[in-house]
Amino acid sequence: MSNNRSGIFIGGLMLGAAIGTLVGLLVAPRTGRETRKLIKKSANAIPELAEDISTSVQIQADRLSSSTLENWEETVDRLREAIAVGVDESQSFHKQNTVDIRNTPNNTDSLTEKLERS
């Protein structure tokens, strides 16, 4: 997150510097000819400034993308672990609450006799 904020800060700083320069030129006590020359130089520098901002934004986007991917993978791993624990607990609970009829004595004959008598 701090990488994303620093990229936004740097982009904002560059944009603020460009706007401040332009405003400074417009209110400076120079002749019109001198001001126009400075504005022309500034306008010629805009593509380079835009490229710098674009590069900075791309770097920050790449960092954010890789950070998001790492966080996603960690989240998926934790989810898988939680599901595995839940499945194990469910199976354990099922085993505890299941009666094993193979080990019980065979009293079905006497029970059937009792039912037939009634």
PDB file of N, CA and C in Angstrom:
ATOM      1  N   MET A   1       0.818  -1.192   0.000  1.00  0.00           N
ATOM      2  CA  MET A   1       0.000   0.000   0.000  1.00  0.00           C
ATOM      3  C   MET A   1       0.863   1.257   0.000  1.00  0.00           C
ATOM      4  N   SER A   2       1.971   1.266   0.760  1.00  0.00           N
ATOM      5  CA  SER A   2       2.802   2.452   0.819  1.00  0.00           C
ATOM      6  C   SER A   2       3.419   2.747  -0.540  1.00  0.00           C
ATOM      7  N   ASN A   3       3.725   1.712  -1.327  1.00  0.00           N
ATOM      8  CA  ASN A   3       4.264   1.925  -2.672  1.00  0.00           C
ATOM      9  C   ASN A   3       3.250   2.644  -3.544  1.00  0.00           C
ATOM     10  N   ASN A   4       1.985   2.275  -3.422  1.00  0.00           N
ATOM     11  CA  ASN A   4       0.932   2.908  -4.201  1.00  0.00           C
ATOM     12  C   ASN A   4       0.795   4.367  -3.801  1.00  0.00           C
ATOM     13  N   ARG A   5       0.839   4.643  -2.515  1.00  0.00           N
ATOM     14  CA  ARG A   5       0.702   6.018  -2.039  1.00  0.00           C
ATOM     15  C   ARG A   5       1.890   6.870  -2.456  1.00  0.00           C
ATOM     16  N   SER A   6       3.097   6.286  -2.439  1.00  0.00           N
ATOM     17  CA  SER A   6       4.259   7.064  -2.839  1.00  0.00           C
ATOM     18  C   SER A   6       4.194   7.388  -4.332  1.00  0.00           C
ATOM     19  N   GLY A   7       3.677   6.461  -5.143  1.00  0.00           N
ATOM     20  CA  GLY A   7       3.522   6.729  -6.571  1.00  0.00           C
ATOM     21  C   GLY A   7       2.527   7.837  -6.823  1.00  0.00           C
ATOM     22  N   ILE A   8       1.437   7.821  -6.077  1.00  0.00           N
ATOM     23  CA  ILE A   8       0.434   8.888  -6.208  1.00  0.00           C
ATOM     24  C   ILE A   8       1.042  10.216  -5.771  1.00  0.00           C
ATOM     25  N   PHE A   9       1.827  10.170  -4.691  1.00  0.00           N
ATOM     26  CA  PHE A   9       2.455  11.387  -4.198  1.00  0.00           C
ATOM     27  C   PHE A   9       3.414  11.959  -5.241  1.00  0.00           C
ATOM     28  N   ILE A  10       4.247  11.107  -5.834  1.00  0.00           N
ATOM     29  CA  ILE A  10       5.214  11.566  -6.833  1.00  0.00           C
ATOM     30  C   ILE A  10       4.492  12.138  -8.054  1.00  0.00           C
ATOM     31  N   GLY A  11       3.445  11.450  -8.507  1.00  0.00           N
ATOM     32  CA  GLY A  11       2.666  11.963  -9.637  1.00  0.00           C
ATOM     33  C   GLY A  11       2.042  13.306  -9.310  1.00  0.00           C
ATOM     34  N   GLY A  12       1.486  13.432  -8.125  1.00  0.00           N
ATOM     35  CA  GLY A  12       0.892  14.694  -7.701  1.00  0.00           C
ATOM     36  C   GLY A  12       1.927  15.796  -7.578  1.00  0.00           C
ATOM     37  N   LEU A  13       3.107  15.424  -7.087  1.00  0.00           N
ATOM     38  CA  LEU A  13       4.189  16.397  -6.964  1.00  0.00           C
ATOM     39  C   LEU A  13       4.607  16.919  -8.333  1.00  0.00           C
ATOM     40  N   MET A  14       4.726  16.026  -9.308  1.00  0.00           N
ATOM     41  CA  MET A  14       5.107  16.447 -10.667  1.00  0.00           C
ATOM     42  C   MET A  14       4.034  17.330 -11.298  1.00  0.00           C
ATOM     43  N   LEU A  15       2.786  16.930 -11.138  1.00  0.00           N
ATOM     44  CA  LEU A  15       1.690  17.716 -11.699  1.00  0.00           C
ATOM     45  C   LEU A  15       1.623  19.083 -11.018  1.00  0.00           C
ATOM     46  N   GLY A  16       1.797  19.107  -9.717  1.00  0.00           N
ATOM     47  CA  GLY A  16       1.792  20.379  -8.984  1.00  0.00           C
ATOM     48  C   GLY A  16       2.929  21.287  -9.412  1.00  0.00           C
ATOM     49  N   ALA A  17       4.091  20.686  -9.658  1.00  0.00           N
ATOM     50  CA  ALA A  17       5.230  21.485 -10.110  1.00  0.00           C
ATOM     51  C   ALA A  17       4.958  22.091 -11.483  1.00  0.00           C
ATOM     52  N   ALA A  18       4.349  21.307 -12.364  1.00  0.00           N
ATOM     53  CA  ALA A  18       4.043  21.814 -13.708  1.00  0.00           C
ATOM     54  C   ALA A  18       3.020  22.945 -13.632  1.00  0.00           C
ATOM     55  N   ILE A  19       1.984  22.758 -12.834  1.00  0.00           N
ATOM     56  CA  ILE A  19       0.954  23.803 -12.708  1.00  0.00           C
ATOM     57  C   ILE A  19       1.545  25.046 -12.045  1.00  0.00           C
ATOM     58  N   GLY A  20       2.367  24.841 -11.013  1.00  0.00           N
ATOM     59  CA  GLY A  20       3.001  25.974 -10.332  1.00  0.00           C
ATOM     60  C   GLY A  20       3.912  26.754 -11.257  1.00  0.00           C
ATOM     61  N   THR A  21       4.632  26.039 -12.095  1.00  0.00           N
ATOM     62  CA  THR A  21       5.512  26.710 -13.061  1.00  0.00           C
ATOM     63  C   THR A  21       4.697  27.554 -14.035  1.00  0.00           C
ATOM     64  N   LEU A  22       3.629  26.985 -14.538  1.00  0.00           N
ATOM     65  CA  LEU A  22       2.787  27.706 -15.493  1.00  0.00           C
ATOM     66  C   LEU A  22       2.165  28.949 -14.853  1.00  0.00           C
ATOM     67  N   VAL A  23       1.643  28.803 -13.659  1.00  0.00           N
ATOM     68  CA  VAL A  23       1.041  29.962 -12.975  1.00  0.00           C
ATOM     69  C   VAL A  23       2.104  31.008 -12.677  1.00  0.00           C
ATOM     70  N   GLY A  24       3.277  30.546 -12.263  1.00  0.00           N
ATOM     71  CA  GLY A  24       4.376  31.485 -11.993  1.00  0.00           C
ATOM     72  C   GLY A  24       4.773  32.275 -13.230  1.00  0.00           C
ATOM     73  N   LEU A  25       4.779  31.601 -14.360  1.00  0.00           N
ATOM     74  CA  LEU A  25       5.128  32.289 -15.601  1.00  0.00           C
ATOM     75  C   LEU A  25       4.077  33.326 -15.985  1.00  0.00           C
ATOM     76  N   LEU A  26       2.837  32.969 -15.757  1.00  0.00           N
ATOM     77  CA  LEU A  26       1.765  33.885 -16.156  1.00  0.00           C
ATOM     78  C   LEU A  26       1.702  35.136 -15.281  1.00  0.00           C
ATOM     79  N   VAL A  27       2.071  35.040 -14.033  1.00  0.00           N
ATOM     80  CA  VAL A  27       1.980  36.200 -13.144  1.00  0.00           C
ATOM     81  C   VAL A  27       3.329  36.889 -12.945  1.00  0.00           C
ATOM     82  N   ALA A  28       4.372  36.380 -13.566  1.00  0.00           N
ATOM     83  CA  ALA A  28       5.707  36.974 -13.425  1.00  0.00           C
ATOM     84  C   ALA A  28       5.760  38.319 -14.138  1.00  0.00           C
ATOM     85  N   PRO A  29       6.540  39.241 -13.592  1.00  0.00           N
ATOM     86  CA  PRO A  29       6.657  40.578 -14.216  1.00  0.00           C
ATOM     87  C   PRO A  29       7.633  40.566 -15.393  1.00  0.00           C
ATOM     88  N   ARG A  30       7.241  39.913 -16.461  1.00  0.00           N
ATOM     89  CA  ARG A  30       8.056  39.858 -17.674  1.00  0.00           C
ATOM     90  C   ARG A  30       7.251  40.441 -18.822  1.00  0.00           C
ATOM     91  N   THR A  31       7.945  40.687 -19.871  1.00  0.00           N
ATOM     92  CA  THR A  31       7.250  41.172 -21.067  1.00  0.00           C
ATOM     93  C   THR A  31       6.497  39.998 -21.678  1.00  0.00           C
ATOM     94  N   GLY A  32       5.576  40.296 -22.532  1.00  0.00           N
ATOM     95  CA  GLY A  32       4.779  39.262 -23.182  1.00  0.00           C
ATOM     96  C   GLY A  32       5.631  38.320 -24.010  1.00  0.00           C
ATOM     97  N   ARG A  33       6.626  38.876 -24.684  1.00  0.00           N
ATOM     98  CA  ARG A  33       7.494  38.059 -25.527  1.00  0.00           C
ATOM     99  C   ARG A  33       8.271  37.050 -24.673  1.00  0.00           C
ATOM    100  N   GLU A  34       8.835  37.494 -23.577  1.00  0.00           N
ATOM    101  CA  GLU A  34       9.595  36.605 -22.686  1.00  0.00           C
ATOM    102  C   GLU A  34       8.681  35.528 -22.090  1.00  0.00           C
ATOM    103  N   THR A  35       7.491  35.937 -21.712  1.00  0.00           N
ATOM    104  CA  THR A  35       6.544  34.982 -21.125  1.00  0.00           C
ATOM    105  C   THR A  35       6.140  33.929 -22.140  1.00  0.00           C
ATOM    106  N   ARG A  36       5.897  34.364 -23.378  1.00  0.00           N
ATOM    107  CA  ARG A  36       5.535  33.405 -24.419  1.00  0.00           C
ATOM    108  C   ARG A  36       6.657  32.406 -24.688  1.00  0.00           C
ATOM    109  N   LYS A  37       7.905  32.875 -24.672  1.00  0.00           N
ATOM    110  CA  LYS A  37       9.045  31.974 -24.859  1.00  0.00           C
ATOM    111  C   LYS A  37       9.101  30.932 -23.742  1.00  0.00           C
ATOM    112  N   LEU A  38       8.904  31.381 -22.518  1.00  0.00           N
ATOM    113  CA  LEU A  38       8.936  30.452 -21.385  1.00  0.00           C
ATOM    114  C   LEU A  38       7.783  29.456 -21.452  1.00  0.00           C
ATOM    115  N   ILE A  39       6.611  29.937 -21.868  1.00  0.00           N
ATOM    116  CA  ILE A  39       5.458  29.029 -22.004  1.00  0.00           C
ATOM    117  C   ILE A  39       5.734  28.013 -23.097  1.00  0.00           C
ATOM    118  N   LYS A  40       6.353  28.449 -24.182  1.00  0.00           N
ATOM    119  CA  LYS A  40       6.681  27.538 -25.273  1.00  0.00           C
ATOM    120  C   LYS A  40       7.666  26.476 -24.792  1.00  0.00           C
ATOM    121  N   LYS A  41       8.681  26.882 -24.035  1.00  0.00           N
ATOM    122  CA  LYS A  41       9.635  25.913 -23.494  1.00  0.00           C
ATOM    123  C   LYS A  41       8.930  24.931 -22.561  1.00  0.00           C
ATOM    124  N   SER A  42       8.037  25.454 -21.741  1.00  0.00           N
ATOM    125  CA  SER A  42       7.293  24.580 -20.820  1.00  0.00           C
ATOM    126  C   SER A  42       6.401  23.627 -21.587  1.00  0.00           C
ATOM    127  N   ALA A  43       5.777  24.132 -22.628  1.00  0.00           N
ATOM    128  CA  ALA A  43       4.902  23.276 -23.432  1.00  0.00           C
ATOM    129  C   ALA A  43       5.712  22.180 -24.112  1.00  0.00           C
ATOM    130  N   ASN A  44       6.916  22.503 -24.525  1.00  0.00           N
ATOM    131  CA  ASN A  44       7.772  21.486 -25.135  1.00  0.00           C
ATOM    132  C   ASN A  44       8.213  20.434 -24.114  1.00  0.00           C
ATOM    133  N   ALA A  45       8.246  20.801 -22.851  1.00  0.00           N
ATOM    134  CA  ALA A  45       8.663  19.861 -21.802  1.00  0.00           C
ATOM    135  C   ALA A  45       7.511  18.966 -21.340  1.00  0.00           C
ATOM    136  N   ILE A  46       6.281  19.294 -21.710  1.00  0.00           N
ATOM    137  CA  ILE A  46       5.119  18.526 -21.256  1.00  0.00           C
ATOM    138  C   ILE A  46       5.169  17.071 -21.706  1.00  0.00           C
ATOM    139  N   PRO A  47       5.523  16.766 -22.951  1.00  0.00           N
ATOM    140  CA  PRO A  47       5.587  15.343 -23.331  1.00  0.00           C
ATOM    141  C   PRO A  47       6.570  14.542 -22.462  1.00  0.00           C
ATOM    142  N   GLU A  48       7.707  15.136 -22.161  1.00  0.00           N
ATOM    143  CA  GLU A  48       8.681  14.451 -21.311  1.00  0.00           C
ATOM    144  C   GLU A  48       8.127  14.254 -19.901  1.00  0.00           C
ATOM    145  N   LEU A  49       7.462  15.288 -19.401  1.00  0.00           N
ATOM    146  CA  LEU A  49       6.848  15.187 -18.079  1.00  0.00           C
ATOM    147  C   LEU A  49       5.759  14.115 -18.076  1.00  0.00           C
ATOM    148  N   ALA A  50       4.956  14.079 -19.126  1.00  0.00           N
ATOM    149  CA  ALA A  50       3.903  13.068 -19.229  1.00  0.00           C
ATOM    150  C   ALA A  50       4.502  11.667 -19.293  1.00  0.00           C
ATOM    151  N   GLU A  51       5.608  11.521 -19.993  1.00  0.00           N
ATOM    152  CA  GLU A  51       6.270  10.218 -20.074  1.00  0.00           C
ATOM    153  C   GLU A  51       6.804   9.798 -18.704  1.00  0.00           C
ATOM    154  N   ASP A  52       7.384  10.750 -17.970  1.00  0.00           N
ATOM    155  CA  ASP A  52       7.870  10.442 -16.625  1.00  0.00           C
ATOM    156  C   ASP A  52       6.730  10.009 -15.713  1.00  0.00           C
ATOM    157  N   ILE A  53       5.615  10.721 -15.791  1.00  0.00           N
ATOM    158  CA  ILE A  53       4.454  10.363 -14.968  1.00  0.00           C
ATOM    159  C   ILE A  53       3.927   8.997 -15.378  1.00  0.00           C
ATOM    160  N   SER A  54       3.857   8.751 -16.676  1.00  0.00           N
ATOM    161  CA  SER A  54       3.381   7.462 -17.171  1.00  0.00           C
ATOM    162  C   SER A  54       4.271   6.323 -16.682  1.00  0.00           C
ATOM    163  N   THR A  55       5.575   6.511 -16.753  1.00  0.00           N
ATOM    164  CA  THR A  55       6.516   5.497 -16.284  1.00  0.00           C
ATOM    165  C   THR A  55       6.336   5.250 -14.795  1.00  0.00           C
ATOM    166  N   SER A  56       6.195   6.325 -14.043  1.00  0.00           N
ATOM    167  CA  SER A  56       6.012   6.192 -12.599  1.00  0.00           C
ATOM    168  C   SER A  56       4.727   5.441 -12.274  1.00  0.00           C
ATOM    169  N   VAL A  57       3.663   5.777 -12.977  1.00  0.00           N
ATOM    170  CA  VAL A  57       2.386   5.094 -12.748  1.00  0.00           C
ATOM    171  C   VAL A  57       2.489   3.620 -13.126  1.00  0.00           C
ATOM    172  N   GLN A  58       3.176   3.316 -14.223  1.00  0.00           N
ATOM    173  CA  GLN A  58       3.338   1.924 -14.652  1.00  0.00           C
ATOM    174  C   GLN A  58       4.132   1.124 -13.617  1.00  0.00           C
ATOM    175  N   ILE A  59       5.187   1.719 -13.084  1.00  0.00           N
ATOM    176  CA  ILE A  59       5.993   1.034 -12.062  1.00  0.00           C
ATOM    177  C   ILE A  59       5.140   0.757 -10.829  1.00  0.00           C
ATOM    178  N   GLN A  60       4.378   1.747 -10.421  1.00  0.00           N
ATOM    179  CA  GLN A  60       3.526   1.569  -9.246  1.00  0.00           C
ATOM    180  C   GLN A  60       2.441   0.528  -9.506  1.00  0.00           C
ATOM    181  N   ALA A  61       1.895   0.505 -10.707  1.00  0.00           N
ATOM    182  CA  ALA A  61       0.868  -0.484 -11.050  1.00  0.00           C
ATOM    183  C   ALA A  61       1.456  -1.890 -11.029  1.00  0.00           C
ATOM    184  N   ASP A  62       2.684  -2.040 -11.531  1.00  0.00           N
ATOM    185  CA  ASP A  62       3.342  -3.350 -11.495  1.00  0.00           C
ATOM    186  C   ASP A  62       3.577  -3.808 -10.065  1.00  0.00           C
ATOM    187  N   ARG A  63       4.034  -2.898  -9.225  1.00  0.00           N
ATOM    188  CA  ARG A  63       4.247  -3.233  -7.809  1.00  0.00           C
ATOM    189  C   ARG A  63       2.933  -3.632  -7.145  1.00  0.00           C
ATOM    190  N   LEU A  64       1.897  -2.856  -7.413  1.00  0.00           N
ATOM    191  CA  LEU A  64       0.596  -3.153  -6.834  1.00  0.00           C
ATOM    192  C   LEU A  64       0.079  -4.495  -7.326  1.00  0.00           C
ATOM    193  N   SER A  65       0.268  -4.769  -8.602  1.00  0.00           N
ATOM    194  CA  SER A  65      -0.182  -6.037  -9.174  1.00  0.00           C
ATOM    195  C   SER A  65       0.527  -7.220  -8.525  1.00  0.00           C
ATOM    196  N   SER A  66       1.835  -7.137  -8.397  1.00  0.00           N
ATOM    197  CA  SER A  66       2.569  -8.250  -7.788  1.00  0.00           C
ATOM    198  C   SER A  66       2.217  -8.387  -6.316  1.00  0.00           C
ATOM    199  N   SER A  67       2.035  -7.272  -5.638  1.00  0.00           N
ATOM    200  CA  SER A  67       1.639  -7.320  -4.223  1.00  0.00           C
ATOM    201  C   SER A  67       0.259  -7.944  -4.074  1.00  0.00           C
ATOM    202  N   THR A  68      -0.657  -7.579  -4.954  1.00  0.00           N
ATOM    203  CA  THR A  68      -2.005  -8.141  -4.908  1.00  0.00           C
ATOM    204  C   THR A  68      -1.980  -9.633  -5.192  1.00  0.00           C
ATOM    205  N   LEU A  69      -1.163 -10.052  -6.140  1.00  0.00           N
ATOM    206  CA  LEU A  69      -1.042 -11.469  -6.461  1.00  0.00           C
ATOM    207  C   LEU A  69      -0.496 -12.258  -5.274  1.00  0.00           C
ATOM    208  N   GLU A  70       0.519 -11.710  -4.600  1.00  0.00           N
ATOM    209  CA  GLU A  70       1.073 -12.376  -3.417  1.00  0.00           C
ATOM    210  C   GLU A  70       0.009 -12.495  -2.325  1.00  0.00           C
ATOM    211  N   ASN A  71      -0.714 -11.408  -2.093  1.00  0.00           N
ATOM    212  CA  ASN A  71      -1.761 -11.436  -1.063  1.00  0.00           C
ATOM    213  C   ASN A  71      -2.847 -12.440  -1.426  1.00  0.00           C
ATOM    214  N   TRP A  72      -3.198 -12.521  -2.698  1.00  0.00           N
ATOM    215  CA  TRP A  72      -4.217 -13.456  -3.148  1.00  0.00           C
ATOM    216  C   TRP A  72      -3.762 -14.889  -2.895  1.00  0.00           C
ATOM    217  N   GLU A  73      -2.513 -15.192  -3.242  1.00  0.00           N
ATOM    218  CA  GLU A  73      -1.995 -16.544  -3.051  1.00  0.00           C
ATOM    219  C   GLU A  73      -1.966 -16.911  -1.561  1.00  0.00           C
ATOM    220  N   GLU A  74      -1.578 -15.963  -0.711  1.00  0.00           N
ATOM    221  CA  GLU A  74      -1.584 -16.213   0.728  1.00  0.00           C
ATOM    222  C   GLU A  74      -3.007 -16.470   1.228  1.00  0.00           C
ATOM    223  N   THR A  75      -3.954 -15.706   0.728  1.00  0.00           N
ATOM    224  CA  THR A  75      -5.349 -15.870   1.142  1.00  0.00           C
ATOM    225  C   THR A  75      -5.886 -17.232   0.708  1.00  0.00           C
ATOM    226  N   VAL A  76      -5.568 -17.634  -0.511  1.00  0.00           N
ATOM    227  CA  VAL A  76      -6.015 -18.943  -1.008  1.00  0.00           C
ATOM    228  C   VAL A  76      -5.394 -20.066  -0.164  1.00  0.00           C
ATOM    229  N   ASP A  77      -4.119 -19.942   0.176  1.00  0.00           N
ATOM    230  CA  ASP A  77      -3.469 -20.961   1.008  1.00  0.00           C
ATOM    231  C   ASP A  77      -4.134 -21.058   2.380  1.00  0.00           C
ATOM    232  N   ARG A  78      -4.418 -19.905   2.984  1.00  0.00           N
ATOM    233  CA  ARG A  78      -5.084 -19.922   4.300  1.00  0.00           C
ATOM    234  C   ARG A  78      -6.482 -20.520   4.191  1.00  0.00           C
ATOM    235  N   LEU A  79      -7.177 -20.227   3.115  1.00  0.00           N
ATOM    236  CA  LEU A  79      -8.515 -20.777   2.910  1.00  0.00           C
ATOM    237  C   LEU A  79      -8.448 -22.291   2.752  1.00  0.00           C
ATOM    238  N   ARG A  80      -7.478 -22.779   1.990  1.00  0.00           N
ATOM    239  CA  ARG A  80      -7.319 -24.223   1.825  1.00  0.00           C
ATOM    240  C   ARG A  80      -7.033 -24.900   3.166  1.00  0.00           C
ATOM    241  N   GLU A  81      -6.172 -24.280   3.971  1.00  0.00           N
ATOM    242  CA  GLU A  81      -5.869 -24.841   5.289  1.00  0.00           C
ATOM    243  C   GLU A  81      -7.120 -24.877   6.165  1.00  0.00           C
ATOM    244  N   ALA A  82      -7.893 -23.810   6.132  1.00  0.00           N
ATOM    245  CA  ALA A  82      -9.112 -23.754   6.937  1.00  0.00           C
ATOM    246  C   ALA A  82     -10.111 -24.814   6.496  1.00  0.00           C
ATOM    247  N   ILE A  83     -10.233 -25.010   5.199  1.00  0.00           N
ATOM    248  CA  ILE A  83     -11.152 -26.030   4.678  1.00  0.00           C
ATOM    249  C   ILE A  83     -10.673 -27.411   5.100  1.00  0.00           C
ATOM    250  N   ALA A  84      -9.364 -27.648   5.022  1.00  0.00           N
ATOM    251  CA  ALA A  84      -8.821 -28.953   5.413  1.00  0.00           C
ATOM    252  C   ALA A  84      -9.082 -29.220   6.892  1.00  0.00           C
ATOM    253  N   VAL A  85      -8.906 -28.221   7.728  1.00  0.00           N
ATOM    254  CA  VAL A  85      -9.180 -28.383   9.157  1.00  0.00           C
ATOM    255  C   VAL A  85     -10.661 -28.651   9.376  1.00  0.00           C
ATOM    256  N   GLY A  86     -11.511 -27.943   8.663  1.00  0.00           N
ATOM    257  CA  GLY A  86     -12.957 -28.163   8.802  1.00  0.00           C
ATOM    258  C   GLY A  86     -13.357 -29.558   8.377  1.00  0.00           C
ATOM    259  N   VAL A  87     -12.778 -30.060   7.296  1.00  0.00           N
ATOM    260  CA  VAL A  87     -13.085 -31.417   6.825  1.00  0.00           C
ATOM    261  C   VAL A  87     -12.611 -32.436   7.857  1.00  0.00           C
ATOM    262  N   ASP A  88     -11.419 -32.251   8.394  1.00  0.00           N
ATOM    263  CA  ASP A  88     -10.895 -33.173   9.409  1.00  0.00           C
ATOM    264  C   ASP A  88     -11.784 -33.185  10.650  1.00  0.00           C
ATOM    265  N   GLU A  89     -12.201 -32.003  11.092  1.00  0.00           N
ATOM    266  CA  GLU A  89     -13.068 -31.932  12.269  1.00  0.00           C
ATOM    267  C   GLU A  89     -14.426 -32.563  11.981  1.00  0.00           C
ATOM    268  N   SER A  90     -14.933 -32.368  10.790  1.00  0.00           N
ATOM    269  CA  SER A  90     -16.213 -32.958  10.424  1.00  0.00           C
ATOM    270  C   SER A  90     -16.127 -34.479  10.423  1.00  0.00           C
ATOM    271  N   GLN A  91     -15.049 -35.016   9.876  1.00  0.00           N
ATOM    272  CA  GLN A  91     -14.870 -36.463   9.853  1.00  0.00           C
ATOM    273  C   GLN A  91     -14.696 -37.001  11.267  1.00  0.00           C
ATOM    274  N   SER A  92     -13.966 -36.274  12.095  1.00  0.00           N
ATOM    275  CA  SER A  92     -13.778 -36.686  13.489  1.00  0.00           C
ATOM    276  C   SER A  92     -15.107 -36.684  14.229  1.00  0.00           C
ATOM    277  N   PHE A  93     -15.909 -35.650  14.023  1.00  0.00           N
ATOM    278  CA  PHE A  93     -17.218 -35.567  14.662  1.00  0.00           C
ATOM    279  C   PHE A  93     -18.113 -36.706  14.197  1.00  0.00           C
ATOM    280  N   HIS A  94     -18.070 -37.005  12.913  1.00  0.00           N
ATOM    281  CA  HIS A  94     -18.884 -38.075  12.340  1.00  0.00           C
ATOM    282  C   HIS A  94     -18.487 -39.425  12.943  1.00  0.00           C
ATOM    283  N   LYS A  95     -17.183 -39.648  13.102  1.00  0.00           N
ATOM    284  CA  LYS A  95     -16.704 -40.910  13.678  1.00  0.00           C
ATOM    285  C   LYS A  95     -17.134 -41.039  15.135  1.00  0.00           C
ATOM    286  N   GLN A  96     -17.123 -39.935  15.865  1.00  0.00           N
ATOM    287  CA  GLN A  96     -17.495 -39.976  17.281  1.00  0.00           C
ATOM    288  C   GLN A  96     -18.979 -40.266  17.461  1.00  0.00           C
ATOM    289  N   ASN A  97     -19.804 -39.839  16.540  1.00  0.00           N
ATOM    290  CA  ASN A  97     -21.243 -39.976  16.675  1.00  0.00           C
ATOM    291  C   ASN A  97     -21.827 -41.124  15.850  1.00  0.00           C
ATOM    292  N   THR A  98     -20.982 -42.026  15.399  1.00  0.00           N
ATOM    293  CA  THR A  98     -21.437 -43.168  14.622  1.00  0.00           C
ATOM    294  C   THR A  98     -21.288 -44.433  15.455  1.00  0.00           C
ATOM    295  N   VAL A  99     -22.299 -45.249  15.453  1.00  0.00           N
ATOM    296  CA  VAL A  99     -22.265 -46.512  16.180  1.00  0.00           C
ATOM    297  C   VAL A  99     -21.782 -47.590  15.233  1.00  0.00           C
ATOM    298  N   ASP A 100     -20.806 -48.347  15.683  1.00  0.00           N
ATOM    299  CA  ASP A 100     -20.275 -49.434  14.869  1.00  0.00           C
ATOM    300  C   ASP A 100     -21.082 -50.687  15.185  1.00  0.00           C
ATOM    301  N   ILE A 101     -21.946 -51.081  14.284  1.00  0.00           N
ATOM    302  CA  ILE A 101     -22.835 -52.221  14.534  1.00  0.00           C
ATOM    303  C   ILE A 101     -22.118 -53.542  14.333  1.00  0.00           C
ATOM    304  N   ARG A 102     -20.934 -53.530  13.806  1.00  0.00           N
ATOM    305  CA  ARG A 102     -20.194 -54.779  13.634  1.00  0.00           C
ATOM    306  C   ARG A 102     -19.743 -55.344  14.975  1.00  0.00           C
ATOM    307  N   ASN A 103     -19.547 -54.481  15.956  1.00  0.00           N
ATOM    308  CA  ASN A 103     -19.050 -54.942  17.246  1.00  0.00           C
ATOM    309  C   ASN A 103     -20.161 -55.132  18.275  1.00  0.00           C
ATOM    310  N   THR A 104     -21.408 -54.938  17.901  1.00  0.00           N
ATOM    311  CA  THR A 104     -22.511 -55.124  18.842  1.00  0.00           C
ATOM    312  C   THR A 104     -23.021 -56.558  18.743  1.00  0.00           C
ATOM    313  N   PRO A 105     -23.476 -57.086  19.854  1.00  0.00           N
ATOM    314  CA  PRO A 105     -23.994 -58.469  19.812  1.00  0.00           C
ATOM    315  C   PRO A 105     -25.236 -58.546  18.934  1.00  0.00           C
ATOM    316  N   ASN A 106     -25.430 -59.677  18.355  1.00  0.00           N
ATOM    317  CA  ASN A 106     -26.556 -59.867  17.444  1.00  0.00           C
ATOM    318  C   ASN A 106     -27.793 -60.245  18.243  1.00  0.00           C
ATOM    319  N   ASN A 107     -28.560 -59.252  18.623  1.00  0.00           N
ATOM    320  CA  ASN A 107     -29.788 -59.470  19.392  1.00  0.00           C
ATOM    321  C   ASN A 107     -31.014 -59.282  18.518  1.00  0.00           C
ATOM    322  N   THR A 108     -30.854 -59.299  17.244  1.00  0.00           N
ATOM    323  CA  THR A 108     -31.993 -59.050  16.365  1.00  0.00           C
ATOM    324  C   THR A 108     -32.997 -60.187  16.418  1.00  0.00           C
ATOM    325  N   ASP A 109     -32.521 -61.419  16.682  1.00  0.00           N
ATOM    326  CA  ASP A 109     -33.454 -62.537  16.769  1.00  0.00           C
ATOM    327  C   ASP A 109     -34.392 -62.361  17.946  1.00  0.00           C
ATOM    328  N   SER A 110     -33.843 -62.000  19.101  1.00  0.00           N
ATOM    329  CA  SER A 110     -34.711 -61.837  20.277  1.00  0.00           C
ATOM    330  C   SER A 110     -35.620 -60.627  20.096  1.00  0.00           C
ATOM    331  N   LEU A 111     -35.126 -59.597  19.454  1.00  0.00           N
ATOM    332  CA  LEU A 111     -35.966 -58.424  19.215  1.00  0.00           C
ATOM    333  C   LEU A 111     -37.084 -58.754  18.248  1.00  0.00           C
ATOM    334  N   THR A 112     -36.803 -59.553  17.235  1.00  0.00           N
ATOM    335  CA  THR A 112     -37.819 -59.950  16.288  1.00  0.00           C
ATOM    336  C   THR A 112     -38.865 -60.807  16.974  1.00  0.00           C
ATOM    337  N   GLU A 113     -38.440 -61.689  17.875  1.00  0.00           N
ATOM    338  CA  GLU A 113     -39.390 -62.527  18.624  1.00  0.00           C
ATOM    339  C   GLU A 113     -40.296 -61.670  19.491  1.00  0.00           C
ATOM    340  N   LYS A 114     -39.728 -60.684  20.152  1.00  0.00           N
ATOM    341  CA  LYS A 114     -40.526 -59.795  21.011  1.00  0.00           C
ATOM    342  C   LYS A 114     -41.556 -59.036  20.178  1.00  0.00           C
ATOM    343  N   LEU A 115     -41.172 -58.600  19.022  1.00  0.00           N
ATOM    344  CA  LEU A 115     -42.097 -57.853  18.169  1.00  0.00           C
ATOM    345  C   LEU A 115     -43.204 -58.742  17.642  1.00  0.00           C
ATOM    346  N   GLU A 116     -42.871 -59.997  17.357  1.00  0.00           N
ATOM    347  CA  GLU A 116     -43.881 -60.900  16.827  1.00  0.00           C
ATOM    348  C   GLU A 116     -44.892 -61.264  17.910  1.00  0.00           C
ATOM    349  N   ARG A 117     -44.472 -61.373  19.156  1.00  0.00           N
ATOM    350  CA  ARG A 117     -45.368 -61.682  20.264  1.00  0.00           C
ATOM    351  C   ARG A 117     -46.364 -60.564  20.514  1.00  0.00           C
ATOM    352  N   SER A 118     -45.960 -59.350  20.292  1.00  0.00           N
ATOM    353  CA  SER A 118     -46.866 -58.261  20.624  1.00  0.00           C
ATOM    354  C   SER A 118     -47.909 -57.993  19.602  1.00  0.00           C
TER     355      SER A 118
END
